[in-house]
Amino acid sequence: MERGRANLLAKYGRQTIERHDVFSTAKDAKDFLKAYAFNQNKSFHQPVSSDHKKVAECTSESACVWHVTLTKKAESKAGSKRKNAKNSFCPEKAWFVSAMFLGHSPGCDCRVPPPA
């Protein structure tokens, strides 16, 4: 473990972001993304944040393509006989990574802001 880096495996049980990763809450997902970005000396902001979708994007002044989209799995309607196998990997009301691109553009100038 390098000095000044978050131990993602010990704290979150994972070290990387994969499509279909599941988080119990939006806060858990955001905390993991913050630590992940910190370890890469990068930062992100959330231009889209709703009850069912959150998008994290690189804060670079240049047009960086790094992003992670989180989607909340909807609760099944009572009495519904139809099963949605599409997102069966994710428990109801949990958040999952629905889209992502983890490569920063060559001109990315994003850095972790210095401590206040």
N, C-alpha and C. Protein backbone atom coordinates (compact mmCIF):
# COMPACT_ATOMS: atom_id res chain seq x y z
N MET A 1 0.84 -1.18 0.00
CA MET A 1 0.00 0.00 0.00
C MET A 1 0.88 1.24 0.00
N GLU A 2 0.71 2.06 -0.99
CA GLU A 2 1.50 3.29 -1.08
C GLU A 2 1.00 4.31 -0.06
N ARG A 3 1.95 5.07 0.45
CA ARG A 3 1.60 6.09 1.43
C ARG A 3 0.74 7.17 0.76
N GLY A 4 -0.28 7.62 1.46
CA GLY A 4 -1.15 8.67 0.94
C GLY A 4 -2.22 8.17 -0.01
N ARG A 5 -2.40 6.86 -0.08
CA ARG A 5 -3.44 6.29 -0.94
C ARG A 5 -4.45 5.54 -0.07
N ALA A 6 -5.69 5.55 -0.50
CA ALA A 6 -6.75 4.85 0.24
C ALA A 6 -6.65 3.35 -0.04
N ASN A 7 -6.84 2.54 1.00
CA ASN A 7 -6.85 1.09 0.83
C ASN A 7 -8.27 0.68 0.46
N LEU A 8 -8.55 0.67 -0.84
CA LEU A 8 -9.90 0.40 -1.33
C LEU A 8 -10.38 -1.00 -0.97
N LEU A 9 -9.49 -1.99 -1.07
CA LEU A 9 -9.88 -3.37 -0.79
C LEU A 9 -10.30 -3.54 0.66
N ALA A 10 -9.55 -2.97 1.58
CA ALA A 10 -9.87 -3.09 3.00
C ALA A 10 -11.15 -2.34 3.35
N LYS A 11 -11.33 -1.16 2.78
CA LYS A 11 -12.46 -0.32 3.15
C LYS A 11 -13.75 -0.66 2.40
N TYR A 12 -13.62 -1.02 1.11
CA TYR A 12 -14.81 -1.22 0.28
C TYR A 12 -14.96 -2.64 -0.28
N GLY A 13 -13.94 -3.48 -0.09
CA GLY A 13 -14.02 -4.85 -0.59
C GLY A 13 -13.78 -4.96 -2.09
N ARG A 14 -13.29 -3.90 -2.70
CA ARG A 14 -12.98 -3.90 -4.14
C ARG A 14 -11.92 -2.84 -4.40
N GLN A 15 -11.19 -3.01 -5.49
CA GLN A 15 -10.13 -2.05 -5.83
C GLN A 15 -10.41 -1.31 -7.13
N THR A 16 -11.30 -1.85 -7.94
CA THR A 16 -11.57 -1.27 -9.25
C THR A 16 -13.07 -1.06 -9.43
N ILE A 17 -13.40 -0.39 -10.51
CA ILE A 17 -14.80 -0.19 -10.87
C ILE A 17 -15.09 -1.07 -12.07
N GLU A 18 -16.13 -1.86 -11.98
CA GLU A 18 -16.54 -2.72 -13.09
C GLU A 18 -18.00 -2.44 -13.41
N ARG A 19 -18.38 -2.67 -14.65
CA ARG A 19 -19.78 -2.53 -15.02
C ARG A 19 -20.58 -3.56 -14.21
N HIS A 20 -21.71 -3.17 -13.73
CA HIS A 20 -22.62 -3.97 -12.90
C HIS A 20 -22.15 -4.12 -11.46
N ASP A 21 -21.13 -3.38 -11.03
CA ASP A 21 -20.80 -3.34 -9.60
C ASP A 21 -22.02 -2.80 -8.85
N VAL A 22 -22.30 -3.36 -7.69
CA VAL A 22 -23.50 -2.99 -6.92
C VAL A 22 -23.08 -2.31 -5.62
N PHE A 23 -23.81 -1.25 -5.27
CA PHE A 23 -23.61 -0.51 -4.02
C PHE A 23 -24.95 -0.43 -3.30
N SER A 24 -24.94 -0.58 -1.99
CA SER A 24 -26.19 -0.55 -1.21
C SER A 24 -26.88 0.80 -1.29
N THR A 25 -26.08 1.87 -1.23
CA THR A 25 -26.65 3.22 -1.24
C THR A 25 -25.87 4.10 -2.21
N ALA A 26 -26.46 5.22 -2.57
CA ALA A 26 -25.78 6.19 -3.43
C ALA A 26 -24.56 6.76 -2.70
N LYS A 27 -24.67 6.94 -1.38
CA LYS A 27 -23.54 7.45 -0.60
C LYS A 27 -22.37 6.48 -0.64
N ASP A 28 -22.64 5.17 -0.52
CA ASP A 28 -21.58 4.17 -0.61
C ASP A 28 -20.87 4.26 -1.96
N ALA A 29 -21.64 4.41 -3.01
CA ALA A 29 -21.07 4.50 -4.36
C ALA A 29 -20.21 5.75 -4.49
N LYS A 30 -20.73 6.88 -4.02
CA LYS A 30 -19.99 8.14 -4.13
C LYS A 30 -18.71 8.09 -3.30
N ASP A 31 -18.78 7.53 -2.10
CA ASP A 31 -17.59 7.42 -1.26
C ASP A 31 -16.51 6.57 -1.93
N PHE A 32 -16.93 5.46 -2.55
CA PHE A 32 -15.97 4.61 -3.25
C PHE A 32 -15.35 5.36 -4.43
N LEU A 33 -16.19 6.04 -5.22
CA LEU A 33 -15.68 6.78 -6.38
C LEU A 33 -14.71 7.88 -5.96
N LYS A 34 -15.01 8.55 -4.85
CA LYS A 34 -14.10 9.59 -4.34
C LYS A 34 -12.73 8.99 -4.00
N ALA A 35 -12.74 7.87 -3.29
CA ALA A 35 -11.48 7.22 -2.90
C ALA A 35 -10.74 6.69 -4.14
N TYR A 36 -11.48 6.13 -5.08
CA TYR A 36 -10.88 5.62 -6.32
C TYR A 36 -10.22 6.76 -7.09
N ALA A 37 -10.93 7.87 -7.24
CA ALA A 37 -10.39 9.03 -7.95
C ALA A 37 -9.18 9.60 -7.20
N PHE A 38 -9.26 9.67 -5.88
CA PHE A 38 -8.15 10.17 -5.06
C PHE A 38 -6.89 9.36 -5.32
N ASN A 39 -7.03 8.03 -5.38
CA ASN A 39 -5.87 7.16 -5.61
C ASN A 39 -5.23 7.41 -6.98
N GLN A 40 -6.01 7.93 -7.91
CA GLN A 40 -5.49 8.23 -9.24
C GLN A 40 -5.10 9.71 -9.39
N ASN A 41 -5.14 10.43 -8.29
CA ASN A 41 -4.86 11.88 -8.27
C ASN A 41 -5.80 12.63 -9.21
N LYS A 42 -7.06 12.23 -9.21
CA LYS A 42 -8.08 12.85 -10.05
C LYS A 42 -9.26 13.25 -9.17
N SER A 43 -10.16 14.03 -9.73
CA SER A 43 -11.39 14.39 -9.02
C SER A 43 -12.55 14.35 -10.00
N PHE A 44 -13.76 14.35 -9.46
CA PHE A 44 -14.94 14.32 -10.32
C PHE A 44 -16.03 15.19 -9.72
N HIS A 45 -17.01 15.51 -10.53
CA HIS A 45 -18.21 16.20 -10.06
C HIS A 45 -19.42 15.42 -10.56
N GLN A 46 -20.58 15.75 -10.04
CA GLN A 46 -21.81 15.04 -10.39
C GLN A 46 -22.79 16.00 -11.07
N PRO A 47 -22.71 16.16 -12.40
CA PRO A 47 -23.63 17.07 -13.08
C PRO A 47 -25.07 16.55 -13.14
N VAL A 48 -25.23 15.23 -13.04
CA VAL A 48 -26.56 14.62 -13.06
C VAL A 48 -26.75 13.87 -11.75
N SER A 49 -27.79 14.23 -11.02
CA SER A 49 -28.09 13.56 -9.76
C SER A 49 -29.60 13.59 -9.55
N SER A 50 -30.22 12.43 -9.72
CA SER A 50 -31.66 12.34 -9.52
C SER A 50 -31.96 11.17 -8.60
N ASP A 51 -33.22 10.86 -8.42
CA ASP A 51 -33.61 9.76 -7.54
C ASP A 51 -33.19 8.40 -8.08
N HIS A 52 -32.96 8.29 -9.39
CA HIS A 52 -32.66 6.99 -9.97
C HIS A 52 -31.39 6.95 -10.82
N LYS A 53 -30.75 8.10 -11.04
CA LYS A 53 -29.55 8.12 -11.88
C LYS A 53 -28.56 9.17 -11.38
N LYS A 54 -27.29 8.79 -11.34
CA LYS A 54 -26.23 9.71 -10.95
C LYS A 54 -25.06 9.51 -11.92
N VAL A 55 -24.51 10.62 -12.39
CA VAL A 55 -23.38 10.57 -13.31
C VAL A 55 -22.21 11.31 -12.69
N ALA A 56 -21.07 10.64 -12.62
CA ALA A 56 -19.83 11.25 -12.14
C ALA A 56 -18.96 11.51 -13.36
N GLU A 57 -18.47 12.75 -13.50
CA GLU A 57 -17.62 13.12 -14.63
C GLU A 57 -16.33 13.75 -14.13
N CYS A 58 -15.29 13.61 -14.93
CA CYS A 58 -13.99 14.21 -14.62
C CYS A 58 -14.13 15.73 -14.56
N THR A 59 -13.38 16.36 -13.67
CA THR A 59 -13.45 17.82 -13.51
C THR A 59 -12.45 18.56 -14.39
N SER A 60 -11.82 17.88 -15.32
CA SER A 60 -10.82 18.49 -16.19
C SER A 60 -11.39 19.66 -16.98
N GLU A 61 -10.56 20.69 -17.17
CA GLU A 61 -10.96 21.84 -17.99
C GLU A 61 -11.02 21.44 -19.46
N SER A 62 -10.19 20.46 -19.85
CA SER A 62 -10.24 19.96 -21.22
C SER A 62 -11.39 18.95 -21.32
N ALA A 63 -11.68 18.53 -22.50
CA ALA A 63 -12.81 17.61 -22.71
C ALA A 63 -12.40 16.17 -22.39
N CYS A 64 -12.38 15.82 -21.11
CA CYS A 64 -12.02 14.47 -20.68
C CYS A 64 -13.27 13.59 -20.74
N VAL A 65 -13.08 12.35 -21.16
CA VAL A 65 -14.23 11.45 -21.36
C VAL A 65 -14.48 10.51 -20.18
N TRP A 66 -13.70 10.62 -19.08
CA TRP A 66 -13.90 9.74 -17.92
C TRP A 66 -15.28 9.99 -17.34
N HIS A 67 -16.04 8.92 -17.11
CA HIS A 67 -17.35 9.05 -16.47
C HIS A 67 -17.79 7.70 -15.90
N VAL A 68 -18.65 7.76 -14.90
CA VAL A 68 -19.29 6.58 -14.33
C VAL A 68 -20.76 6.94 -14.12
N THR A 69 -21.65 6.10 -14.65
CA THR A 69 -23.09 6.30 -14.48
C THR A 69 -23.62 5.24 -13.52
N LEU A 70 -24.32 5.69 -12.49
CA LEU A 70 -24.94 4.80 -11.51
C LEU A 70 -26.45 4.87 -11.69
N THR A 71 -27.09 3.72 -11.63
CA THR A 71 -28.54 3.64 -11.78
C THR A 71 -29.11 2.88 -10.58
N LYS A 72 -30.23 3.36 -10.08
CA LYS A 72 -30.90 2.70 -8.96
C LYS A 72 -31.91 1.71 -9.51
N LYS A 73 -31.84 0.47 -9.03
CA LYS A 73 -32.80 -0.53 -9.49
C LYS A 73 -34.15 -0.23 -8.86
N ALA A 74 -35.15 -0.18 -9.70
CA ALA A 74 -36.50 0.11 -9.24
C ALA A 74 -37.06 -1.04 -8.42
N GLU A 75 -37.97 -0.69 -7.56
CA GLU A 75 -38.66 -1.69 -6.75
C GLU A 75 -39.69 -2.38 -7.63
N SER A 76 -39.80 -3.71 -7.50
CA SER A 76 -40.80 -4.45 -8.27
C SER A 76 -42.19 -4.04 -7.82
N LYS A 77 -43.07 -3.96 -8.78
CA LYS A 77 -44.46 -3.61 -8.45
C LYS A 77 -45.13 -4.80 -7.80
N ALA A 78 -45.92 -4.53 -6.77
CA ALA A 78 -46.63 -5.59 -6.04
C ALA A 78 -47.56 -6.33 -7.00
N GLY A 79 -47.53 -7.63 -6.93
CA GLY A 79 -48.42 -8.44 -7.75
C GLY A 79 -47.94 -8.65 -9.17
N SER A 80 -46.80 -8.12 -9.51
CA SER A 80 -46.29 -8.27 -10.87
C SER A 80 -45.81 -9.70 -11.09
N LYS A 81 -46.29 -10.31 -12.16
CA LYS A 81 -45.89 -11.68 -12.47
C LYS A 81 -44.68 -11.71 -13.40
N ARG A 82 -44.40 -10.58 -13.99
CA ARG A 82 -43.31 -10.49 -14.94
C ARG A 82 -41.99 -10.28 -14.19
N LYS A 83 -41.00 -11.07 -14.52
CA LYS A 83 -39.70 -10.92 -13.89
C LYS A 83 -38.76 -10.20 -14.84
N ASN A 84 -38.01 -9.28 -14.30
CA ASN A 84 -37.05 -8.53 -15.10
C ASN A 84 -35.67 -9.16 -14.90
N ALA A 85 -35.29 -10.00 -15.85
CA ALA A 85 -34.00 -10.68 -15.76
C ALA A 85 -32.85 -9.76 -16.15
N LYS A 86 -33.16 -8.65 -16.79
CA LYS A 86 -32.13 -7.73 -17.28
C LYS A 86 -31.20 -7.26 -16.17
N ASN A 87 -31.74 -6.91 -15.04
CA ASN A 87 -30.94 -6.42 -13.92
C ASN A 87 -31.03 -7.35 -12.72
N SER A 88 -31.14 -8.64 -12.97
CA SER A 88 -31.33 -9.60 -11.88
C SER A 88 -30.13 -9.68 -10.94
N PHE A 89 -28.97 -9.22 -11.38
CA PHE A 89 -27.77 -9.24 -10.55
C PHE A 89 -27.85 -8.23 -9.40
N CYS A 90 -28.78 -7.29 -9.48
CA CYS A 90 -28.84 -6.18 -8.52
C CYS A 90 -30.09 -6.28 -7.64
N PRO A 91 -29.93 -6.19 -6.33
CA PRO A 91 -31.10 -6.18 -5.44
C PRO A 91 -31.93 -4.91 -5.65
N GLU A 92 -33.20 -4.99 -5.32
CA GLU A 92 -34.08 -3.82 -5.43
C GLU A 92 -33.56 -2.68 -4.57
N LYS A 93 -33.72 -1.47 -5.08
CA LYS A 93 -33.33 -0.22 -4.41
C LYS A 93 -31.83 -0.04 -4.25
N ALA A 94 -31.02 -0.95 -4.79
CA ALA A 94 -29.56 -0.79 -4.74
C ALA A 94 -29.11 -0.03 -5.98
N TRP A 95 -27.91 0.49 -5.94
CA TRP A 95 -27.33 1.24 -7.06
C TRP A 95 -26.31 0.37 -7.76
N PHE A 96 -26.24 0.46 -9.09
CA PHE A 96 -25.25 -0.31 -9.84
C PHE A 96 -24.63 0.55 -10.94
N VAL A 97 -23.42 0.17 -11.33
CA VAL A 97 -22.72 0.87 -12.41
C VAL A 97 -23.34 0.41 -13.72
N SER A 98 -24.03 1.32 -14.39
CA SER A 98 -24.71 0.97 -15.64
C SER A 98 -23.90 1.34 -16.88
N ALA A 99 -22.98 2.29 -16.74
CA ALA A 99 -22.11 2.68 -17.85
C ALA A 99 -20.87 3.33 -17.27
N MET A 100 -19.77 3.24 -18.02
CA MET A 100 -18.55 3.87 -17.53
C MET A 100 -17.52 3.94 -18.64
N PHE A 101 -16.61 4.86 -18.49
CA PHE A 101 -15.39 4.92 -19.30
C PHE A 101 -14.33 5.46 -18.36
N LEU A 102 -13.35 4.63 -18.02
CA LEU A 102 -12.39 4.99 -16.99
C LEU A 102 -11.08 5.56 -17.52
N GLY A 103 -10.97 5.70 -18.83
CA GLY A 103 -9.76 6.27 -19.40
C GLY A 103 -9.84 7.79 -19.45
N HIS A 104 -8.82 8.45 -18.96
CA HIS A 104 -8.78 9.91 -19.04
C HIS A 104 -8.18 10.31 -20.39
N SER A 105 -8.67 11.38 -20.94
CA SER A 105 -8.16 11.89 -22.22
C SER A 105 -6.70 12.31 -22.06
N PRO A 106 -5.91 12.27 -23.15
CA PRO A 106 -4.50 12.65 -23.06
C PRO A 106 -4.28 14.06 -22.49
N GLY A 107 -5.17 14.98 -22.77
CA GLY A 107 -5.01 16.35 -22.28
C GLY A 107 -5.65 16.61 -20.94
N CYS A 108 -6.06 15.57 -20.24
CA CYS A 108 -6.75 15.73 -18.95
C CYS A 108 -5.83 16.44 -17.95
N ASP A 109 -6.33 17.55 -17.40
CA ASP A 109 -5.55 18.33 -16.43
C ASP A 109 -6.15 18.27 -15.03
N CYS A 110 -7.03 17.35 -14.82
CA CYS A 110 -7.73 17.19 -13.55
C CYS A 110 -6.77 16.68 -12.47
N ARG A 111 -6.86 17.23 -11.28
CA ARG A 111 -6.06 16.80 -10.14
C ARG A 111 -6.91 16.88 -8.88
N VAL A 112 -6.51 16.12 -7.87
CA VAL A 112 -7.18 16.20 -6.57
C VAL A 112 -6.92 17.59 -6.02
N PRO A 113 -7.98 18.29 -5.58
CA PRO A 113 -7.76 19.62 -5.01
C PRO A 113 -6.95 19.52 -3.72
N PRO A 114 -6.09 20.51 -3.46
CA PRO A 114 -5.30 20.48 -2.22
C PRO A 114 -6.21 20.62 -1.01
N PRO A 115 -5.80 20.05 0.13
CA PRO A 115 -6.62 20.15 1.34
C PRO A 115 -6.79 21.60 1.77
N ALA A 116 -7.96 21.89 2.33
CA ALA A 116 -8.26 23.27 2.76
C ALA A 116 -7.55 23.62 4.03
